[in-house]
């Protein structure tokens, strides 16, 4: 499991559409599809119900997307903190 898979999963969950997710992320549909399949294989669960025209999250998908969102938000917070620290370190002292 890698960060890109989680970002792809989160975007597909948000858009409920692989094509739109691929457009938003500037990657191909096949990249998204393969990534989601690998993620589902690794977790040994289906994350999306593909029986309708529009994708919908399974029960497991609902649980997982919340945890993924939390993790990605924490990562963004960490990146922001590091950048803030770096800026403070570079700022001239008065």
C-alpha atoms as a PDB file:
ATOM      1  CA  UNK A   1       0.000   0.000   0.000  1.00  0.00           C
ATOM      2  CA  UNK A   2       1.352   3.404  -0.897  1.00  0.00           C
ATOM      3  CA  UNK A   3       0.317   7.024  -0.620  1.00  0.00           C
ATOM      4  CA  UNK A   4      -0.778   7.292  -4.242  1.00  0.00           C
ATOM      5  CA  UNK A   5      -3.151   4.351  -3.879  1.00  0.00           C
ATOM      6  CA  UNK A   6      -4.752   6.052  -0.905  1.00  0.00           C
ATOM      7  CA  UNK A   7      -5.051   9.361  -2.754  1.00  0.00           C
ATOM      8  CA  UNK A   8      -6.586   7.603  -5.762  1.00  0.00           C
ATOM      9  CA  UNK A   9      -9.006   5.699  -3.546  1.00  0.00           C
ATOM     10  CA  UNK A  10     -10.038   8.888  -1.750  1.00  0.00           C
ATOM     11  CA  UNK A  11     -10.678  10.741  -5.036  1.00  0.00           C
ATOM     12  CA  UNK A  12     -12.725   7.883  -6.506  1.00  0.00           C
ATOM     13  CA  UNK A  13     -14.757   7.757  -3.291  1.00  0.00           C
ATOM     14  CA  UNK A  14     -15.317  11.513  -3.533  1.00  0.00           C
ATOM     15  CA  UNK A  15     -16.236  11.638  -7.233  1.00  0.00           C
ATOM     16  CA  UNK A  16     -17.876   8.189  -7.408  1.00  0.00           C
ATOM     17  CA  UNK A  17     -16.375   7.941 -10.872  1.00  0.00           C
ATOM     18  CA  UNK A  18     -13.019   6.621 -12.064  1.00  0.00           C
ATOM     19  CA  UNK A  19     -12.918   8.875 -15.146  1.00  0.00           C
ATOM     20  CA  UNK A  20     -13.498  12.042 -13.120  1.00  0.00           C
ATOM     21  CA  UNK A  21     -11.001  10.923 -10.476  1.00  0.00           C
ATOM     22  CA  UNK A  22      -8.398  10.301 -13.181  1.00  0.00           C
ATOM     23  CA  UNK A  23      -9.030  13.741 -14.673  1.00  0.00           C
ATOM     24  CA  UNK A  24      -8.734  15.421 -11.265  1.00  0.00           C
ATOM     25  CA  UNK A  25      -5.484  13.596 -10.507  1.00  0.00           C
ATOM     26  CA  UNK A  26      -4.059  13.931 -14.040  1.00  0.00           C
ATOM     27  CA  UNK A  27      -3.519  10.195 -14.504  1.00  0.00           C
ATOM     28  CA  UNK A  28      -5.080   7.577 -16.754  1.00  0.00           C
ATOM     29  CA  UNK A  29      -8.210   5.625 -15.896  1.00  0.00           C
ATOM     30  CA  UNK A  30      -6.230   2.405 -16.069  1.00  0.00           C
ATOM     31  CA  UNK A  31      -3.787   3.747 -13.473  1.00  0.00           C
ATOM     32  CA  UNK A  32      -6.671   4.419 -11.083  1.00  0.00           C
ATOM     33  CA  UNK A  33      -8.347   1.090 -11.803  1.00  0.00           C
ATOM     34  CA  UNK A  34      -5.177  -0.940 -11.258  1.00  0.00           C
ATOM     35  CA  UNK A  35      -4.354   0.978  -8.105  1.00  0.00           C
ATOM     36  CA  UNK A  36      -7.804   0.346  -6.606  1.00  0.00           C
ATOM     37  CA  UNK A  37      -7.647  -3.327  -7.559  1.00  0.00           C
ATOM     38  CA  UNK A  38      -4.236  -3.706  -5.884  1.00  0.00           C
ATOM     39  CA  UNK A  39      -5.518  -1.939  -2.786  1.00  0.00           C
ATOM     40  CA  UNK A  40      -8.556  -4.213  -2.615  1.00  0.00           C
ATOM     41  CA  UNK A  41      -6.351  -7.274  -3.115  1.00  0.00           C
ATOM     42  CA  UNK A  42      -4.029  -6.169  -0.338  1.00  0.00           C
ATOM     43  CA  UNK A  43      -6.928  -5.523   2.034  1.00  0.00           C
ATOM     44  CA  UNK A  44      -8.819  -8.641   0.861  1.00  0.00           C
ATOM     45  CA  UNK A  45     -12.079  -6.674   0.626  1.00  0.00           C
ATOM     46  CA  UNK A  46     -14.064  -4.878  -2.037  1.00  0.00           C
ATOM     47  CA  UNK A  47     -14.063  -1.148  -1.388  1.00  0.00           C
ATOM     48  CA  UNK A  48     -16.546  -0.248  -4.129  1.00  0.00           C
ATOM     49  CA  UNK A  49     -19.844  -1.680  -5.295  1.00  0.00           C
ATOM     50  CA  UNK A  50     -19.524  -1.791  -9.070  1.00  0.00           C
ATOM     51  CA  UNK A  51     -23.015  -3.146  -9.809  1.00  0.00           C
ATOM     52  CA  UNK A  52     -24.463   0.277 -10.650  1.00  0.00           C
ATOM     53  CA  UNK A  53     -23.398   2.839 -13.252  1.00  0.00           C
ATOM     54  CA  UNK A  54     -22.039   5.050 -10.493  1.00  0.00           C
ATOM     55  CA  UNK A  55     -19.537   3.556  -8.057  1.00  0.00           C
ATOM     56  CA  UNK A  56     -20.549   3.444  -4.430  1.00  0.00           C
ATOM     57  CA  UNK A  57     -18.562   2.521  -1.358  1.00  0.00           C
ATOM     58  CA  UNK A  58     -19.131  -0.800   0.333  1.00  0.00           C
ATOM     59  CA  UNK A  59     -19.453  -0.874   4.121  1.00  0.00           C
ATOM     60  CA  UNK A  60     -15.736  -1.593   4.307  1.00  0.00           C
ATOM     61  CA  UNK A  61     -15.083   1.245   1.858  1.00  0.00           C
ATOM     62  CA  UNK A  62     -16.978   3.713   4.059  1.00  0.00           C
ATOM     63  CA  UNK A  63     -14.909   2.740   7.082  1.00  0.00           C
ATOM     64  CA  UNK A  64     -11.651   2.829   5.154  1.00  0.00           C
ATOM     65  CA  UNK A  65     -12.233   6.163   3.376  1.00  0.00           C
ATOM     66  CA  UNK A  66     -12.691   7.916   6.722  1.00  0.00           C
ATOM     67  CA  UNK A  67      -9.427   6.489   8.047  1.00  0.00           C
ATOM     68  CA  UNK A  68      -7.631   7.339   4.798  1.00  0.00           C
ATOM     69  CA  UNK A  69      -8.969  10.899   4.940  1.00  0.00           C
ATOM     70  CA  UNK A  70      -7.806  11.248   8.538  1.00  0.00           C
ATOM     71  CA  UNK A  71      -4.347   9.905   7.664  1.00  0.00           C
ATOM     72  CA  UNK A  72      -3.941  12.140   4.606  1.00  0.00           C
ATOM     73  CA  UNK A  73      -5.073  15.185   6.608  1.00  0.00           C
ATOM     74  CA  UNK A  74      -2.523  14.392   9.316  1.00  0.00           C
ATOM     75  CA  UNK A  75       0.173  14.052   6.689  1.00  0.00           C
ATOM     76  CA  UNK A  76      -0.754  17.436   5.183  1.00  0.00           C
ATOM     77  CA  UNK A  77      -0.658  18.977   8.669  1.00  0.00           C
ATOM     78  CA  UNK A  78       2.800  17.516   9.218  1.00  0.00           C
ATOM     79  CA  UNK A  79       4.055  18.881   5.912  1.00  0.00           C
ATOM     80  CA  UNK A  80       2.671  22.323   6.769  1.00  0.00           C
ATOM     81  CA  UNK A  81       4.345  22.261  10.185  1.00  0.00           C
ATOM     82  CA  UNK A  82       7.699  21.301   8.696  1.00  0.00           C
ATOM     83  CA  UNK A  83       7.377  24.070   6.110  1.00  0.00           C
ATOM     84  CA  UNK A  84       6.461  26.583   8.826  1.00  0.00           C
ATOM     85  CA  UNK A  85       9.476  25.500  10.846  1.00  0.00           C
ATOM     86  CA  UNK A  86      11.740  25.783   7.832  1.00  0.00           C
ATOM     87  CA  UNK A  87      10.452  29.303   7.137  1.00  0.00           C
ATOM     88  CA  UNK A  88      11.021  30.320  10.761  1.00  0.00           C
ATOM     89  CA  UNK A  89      14.542  28.919  10.633  1.00  0.00           C
ATOM     90  CA  UNK A  90      15.331  30.916   7.499  1.00  0.00           C
ATOM     91  CA  UNK A  91      13.720  34.143   8.704  1.00  0.00           C
ATOM     92  CA  UNK A  92      16.197  36.761   9.818  1.00  0.00           C
ATOM     93  CA  UNK A  93      16.290  37.536  13.529  1.00  0.00           C
ATOM     94  CA  UNK A  94      15.502  41.093  14.582  1.00  0.00           C
END
